Amino acid sequence: MLRTIFMIGLFALAGLFVLRLAFGLFGFLFAMLLTLLVLAVKIALVGVVIYLLIRIFSPATARKLRERWSGSSAV
């Protein structure tokens, strides 16, 4: 009976150790993923702002860019 209680406790501690180790590693990977995602969003926003400025000041150039990257427009 006492041996069973100690074994359950030992497995519980081992499980907690494995969870701590796993979430520590996944936490690092998750933080890296979020950092890359934030960087990608910033780059996309800069691209959108540049495209909008080109579209306002030079519509022909914006049309050429749109055709180059997405094919001919239907409009």
N, C-alpha and C. Protein backbone atom coordinates (compact mmCIF):
# COMPACT_ATOMS: atom_id res chain seq x y z
N MET A 1 0.83 -1.19 0.00
CA MET A 1 0.00 0.00 0.00
C MET A 1 0.87 1.25 0.00
N LEU A 2 1.84 1.29 0.89
CA LEU A 2 2.73 2.43 0.97
C LEU A 2 3.59 2.54 -0.29
N ARG A 3 4.00 1.37 -0.80
CA ARG A 3 4.80 1.34 -2.03
C ARG A 3 3.99 1.92 -3.20
N THR A 4 2.71 1.61 -3.29
CA THR A 4 1.85 2.12 -4.36
C THR A 4 1.74 3.64 -4.26
N ILE A 5 1.57 4.17 -3.08
CA ILE A 5 1.46 5.61 -2.89
C ILE A 5 2.74 6.31 -3.31
N PHE A 6 3.89 5.73 -2.94
CA PHE A 6 5.17 6.32 -3.34
C PHE A 6 5.37 6.26 -4.85
N MET A 7 4.96 5.20 -5.49
CA MET A 7 5.10 5.08 -6.95
C MET A 7 4.21 6.10 -7.67
N ILE A 8 3.00 6.29 -7.18
CA ILE A 8 2.12 7.30 -7.76
C ILE A 8 2.75 8.69 -7.62
N GLY A 9 3.29 8.98 -6.47
CA GLY A 9 3.97 10.26 -6.25
C GLY A 9 5.18 10.42 -7.16
N LEU A 10 5.94 9.34 -7.33
CA LEU A 10 7.12 9.39 -8.19
C LEU A 10 6.72 9.65 -9.65
N PHE A 11 5.67 8.97 -10.12
CA PHE A 11 5.19 9.20 -11.48
C PHE A 11 4.64 10.62 -11.65
N ALA A 12 3.99 11.14 -10.63
CA ALA A 12 3.46 12.50 -10.70
C ALA A 12 4.60 13.51 -10.80
N LEU A 13 5.66 13.33 -10.01
CA LEU A 13 6.81 14.23 -10.08
C LEU A 13 7.52 14.11 -11.42
N ALA A 14 7.65 12.89 -11.93
CA ALA A 14 8.28 12.69 -13.24
C ALA A 14 7.44 13.36 -14.33
N GLY A 15 6.12 13.24 -14.24
CA GLY A 15 5.23 13.89 -15.21
C GLY A 15 5.34 15.40 -15.16
N LEU A 16 5.42 15.96 -13.96
CA LEU A 16 5.58 17.40 -13.82
C LEU A 16 6.91 17.87 -14.40
N PHE A 17 7.96 17.08 -14.19
CA PHE A 17 9.27 17.42 -14.75
C PHE A 17 9.23 17.41 -16.28
N VAL A 18 8.60 16.39 -16.85
CA VAL A 18 8.51 16.29 -18.31
C VAL A 18 7.66 17.44 -18.87
N LEU A 19 6.56 17.78 -18.22
CA LEU A 19 5.73 18.90 -18.68
C LEU A 19 6.50 20.22 -18.61
N ARG A 20 7.24 20.40 -17.52
CA ARG A 20 8.03 21.62 -17.37
C ARG A 20 9.08 21.72 -18.48
N LEU A 21 9.73 20.63 -18.78
CA LEU A 21 10.73 20.60 -19.83
C LEU A 21 10.09 20.85 -21.20
N ALA A 22 8.98 20.18 -21.48
CA ALA A 22 8.31 20.33 -22.78
C ALA A 22 7.80 21.75 -22.98
N PHE A 23 7.14 22.32 -21.99
CA PHE A 23 6.61 23.67 -22.15
C PHE A 23 7.72 24.71 -22.17
N GLY A 24 8.85 24.42 -21.55
CA GLY A 24 9.99 25.32 -21.63
C GLY A 24 10.52 25.39 -23.05
N LEU A 25 10.63 24.26 -23.71
CA LEU A 25 11.10 24.23 -25.10
C LEU A 25 10.06 24.82 -26.03
N PHE A 26 8.79 24.44 -25.85
CA PHE A 26 7.74 24.97 -26.71
C PHE A 26 7.56 26.47 -26.49
N GLY A 27 7.80 26.93 -25.29
CA GLY A 27 7.70 28.36 -25.01
C GLY A 27 8.70 29.15 -25.82
N PHE A 28 9.92 28.65 -25.93
CA PHE A 28 10.95 29.30 -26.73
C PHE A 28 10.55 29.32 -28.21
N LEU A 29 10.07 28.20 -28.71
CA LEU A 29 9.66 28.12 -30.11
C LEU A 29 8.46 29.02 -30.38
N PHE A 30 7.52 29.07 -29.45
CA PHE A 30 6.34 29.92 -29.59
C PHE A 30 6.75 31.39 -29.61
N ALA A 31 7.68 31.77 -28.74
CA ALA A 31 8.15 33.16 -28.72
C ALA A 31 8.86 33.51 -30.02
N MET A 32 9.64 32.58 -30.56
CA MET A 32 10.32 32.83 -31.83
C MET A 32 9.31 32.97 -32.97
N LEU A 33 8.28 32.13 -32.96
CA LEU A 33 7.24 32.20 -33.97
C LEU A 33 6.51 33.54 -33.91
N LEU A 34 6.17 33.98 -32.72
CA LEU A 34 5.49 35.27 -32.58
C LEU A 34 6.38 36.43 -33.02
N THR A 35 7.67 36.35 -32.73
CA THR A 35 8.60 37.40 -33.15
C THR A 35 8.65 37.48 -34.67
N LEU A 36 8.74 36.32 -35.33
CA LEU A 36 8.76 36.31 -36.79
C LEU A 36 7.43 36.79 -37.37
N LEU A 37 6.33 36.45 -36.72
CA LEU A 37 5.02 36.90 -37.18
C LEU A 37 4.90 38.42 -37.08
N VAL A 38 5.35 39.00 -35.99
CA VAL A 38 5.31 40.45 -35.82
C VAL A 38 6.18 41.13 -36.88
N LEU A 39 7.35 40.57 -37.14
CA LEU A 39 8.23 41.12 -38.16
C LEU A 39 7.58 41.06 -39.54
N ALA A 40 6.93 39.95 -39.85
CA ALA A 40 6.26 39.80 -41.14
C ALA A 40 5.12 40.80 -41.29
N VAL A 41 4.37 41.03 -40.22
CA VAL A 41 3.27 42.00 -40.27
C VAL A 41 3.80 43.41 -40.48
N LYS A 42 4.91 43.75 -39.83
CA LYS A 42 5.50 45.08 -40.01
C LYS A 42 5.96 45.28 -41.46
N ILE A 43 6.61 44.26 -42.02
CA ILE A 43 7.06 44.35 -43.41
C ILE A 43 5.88 44.48 -44.36
N ALA A 44 4.82 43.73 -44.10
CA ALA A 44 3.62 43.81 -44.95
C ALA A 44 2.98 45.19 -44.85
N LEU A 45 2.92 45.76 -43.67
CA LEU A 45 2.35 47.11 -43.52
C LEU A 45 3.16 48.15 -44.26
N VAL A 46 4.48 48.05 -44.21
CA VAL A 46 5.33 48.98 -44.95
C VAL A 46 5.08 48.83 -46.45
N GLY A 47 4.95 47.60 -46.92
CA GLY A 47 4.66 47.36 -48.33
C GLY A 47 3.33 47.95 -48.74
N VAL A 48 2.32 47.81 -47.91
CA VAL A 48 1.00 48.37 -48.21
C VAL A 48 1.06 49.89 -48.28
N VAL A 49 1.77 50.51 -47.36
CA VAL A 49 1.88 51.97 -47.36
C VAL A 49 2.61 52.43 -48.62
N ILE A 50 3.69 51.75 -48.98
CA ILE A 50 4.42 52.13 -50.21
C ILE A 50 3.53 51.96 -51.43
N TYR A 51 2.79 50.85 -51.48
CA TYR A 51 1.90 50.62 -52.63
C TYR A 51 0.81 51.70 -52.70
N LEU A 52 0.24 52.06 -51.56
CA LEU A 52 -0.80 53.09 -51.56
C LEU A 52 -0.24 54.44 -52.01
N LEU A 53 0.98 54.76 -51.59
CA LEU A 53 1.59 56.01 -52.04
C LEU A 53 1.83 55.99 -53.55
N ILE A 54 2.31 54.85 -54.06
CA ILE A 54 2.51 54.73 -55.51
C ILE A 54 1.17 54.82 -56.22
N ARG A 55 0.15 54.22 -55.67
CA ARG A 55 -1.17 54.25 -56.30
C ARG A 55 -1.75 55.66 -56.34
N ILE A 56 -1.47 56.44 -55.32
CA ILE A 56 -1.98 57.81 -55.29
C ILE A 56 -1.20 58.70 -56.26
N PHE A 57 0.14 58.62 -56.24
CA PHE A 57 0.96 59.53 -57.02
C PHE A 57 1.26 59.05 -58.44
N SER A 58 1.17 57.75 -58.69
CA SER A 58 1.46 57.22 -60.03
C SER A 58 0.59 56.00 -60.31
N PRO A 59 -0.66 56.22 -60.69
CA PRO A 59 -1.57 55.10 -60.92
C PRO A 59 -1.09 54.12 -62.01
N ALA A 60 -0.39 54.62 -63.01
CA ALA A 60 0.09 53.73 -64.08
C ALA A 60 1.13 52.75 -63.53
N THR A 61 2.01 53.25 -62.70
CA THR A 61 3.01 52.37 -62.10
C THR A 61 2.35 51.35 -61.19
N ALA A 62 1.35 51.77 -60.44
CA ALA A 62 0.62 50.84 -59.57
C ALA A 62 -0.07 49.76 -60.40
N ARG A 63 -0.63 50.14 -61.54
CA ARG A 63 -1.28 49.16 -62.41
C ARG A 63 -0.25 48.16 -62.95
N LYS A 64 0.93 48.65 -63.33
CA LYS A 64 1.99 47.75 -63.80
C LYS A 64 2.42 46.78 -62.70
N LEU A 65 2.56 47.29 -61.49
CA LEU A 65 2.94 46.42 -60.37
C LEU A 65 1.88 45.36 -60.11
N ARG A 66 0.62 45.79 -60.14
CA ARG A 66 -0.48 44.86 -59.90
C ARG A 66 -0.51 43.78 -60.97
N GLU A 67 -0.32 44.17 -62.24
CA GLU A 67 -0.31 43.19 -63.32
C GLU A 67 0.89 42.25 -63.22
N ARG A 68 2.00 42.78 -62.78
CA ARG A 68 3.21 41.95 -62.66
C ARG A 68 3.06 40.89 -61.60
N TRP A 69 2.48 41.25 -60.46
CA TRP A 69 2.43 40.32 -59.32
C TRP A 69 1.18 39.47 -59.27
N SER A 70 0.08 39.95 -59.86
CA SER A 70 -1.17 39.17 -59.75
C SER A 70 -1.83 38.91 -61.10
N GLY A 71 -1.15 39.19 -62.17
CA GLY A 71 -1.76 38.98 -63.49
C GLY A 71 -2.60 40.17 -63.87
N SER A 72 -3.20 40.10 -65.04
CA SER A 72 -4.02 41.22 -65.51
C SER A 72 -5.27 41.34 -64.66
N SER A 73 -5.67 42.57 -64.39
CA SER A 73 -6.84 42.80 -63.55
C SER A 73 -8.10 42.68 -64.39
N ALA A 74 -9.18 42.25 -63.77
CA ALA A 74 -10.46 42.08 -64.47
C ALA A 74 -11.18 43.41 -64.64
N VAL A 75 -10.79 44.42 -63.87
CA VAL A 75 -11.47 45.71 -63.93
C VAL A 75 -10.84 46.61 -64.94
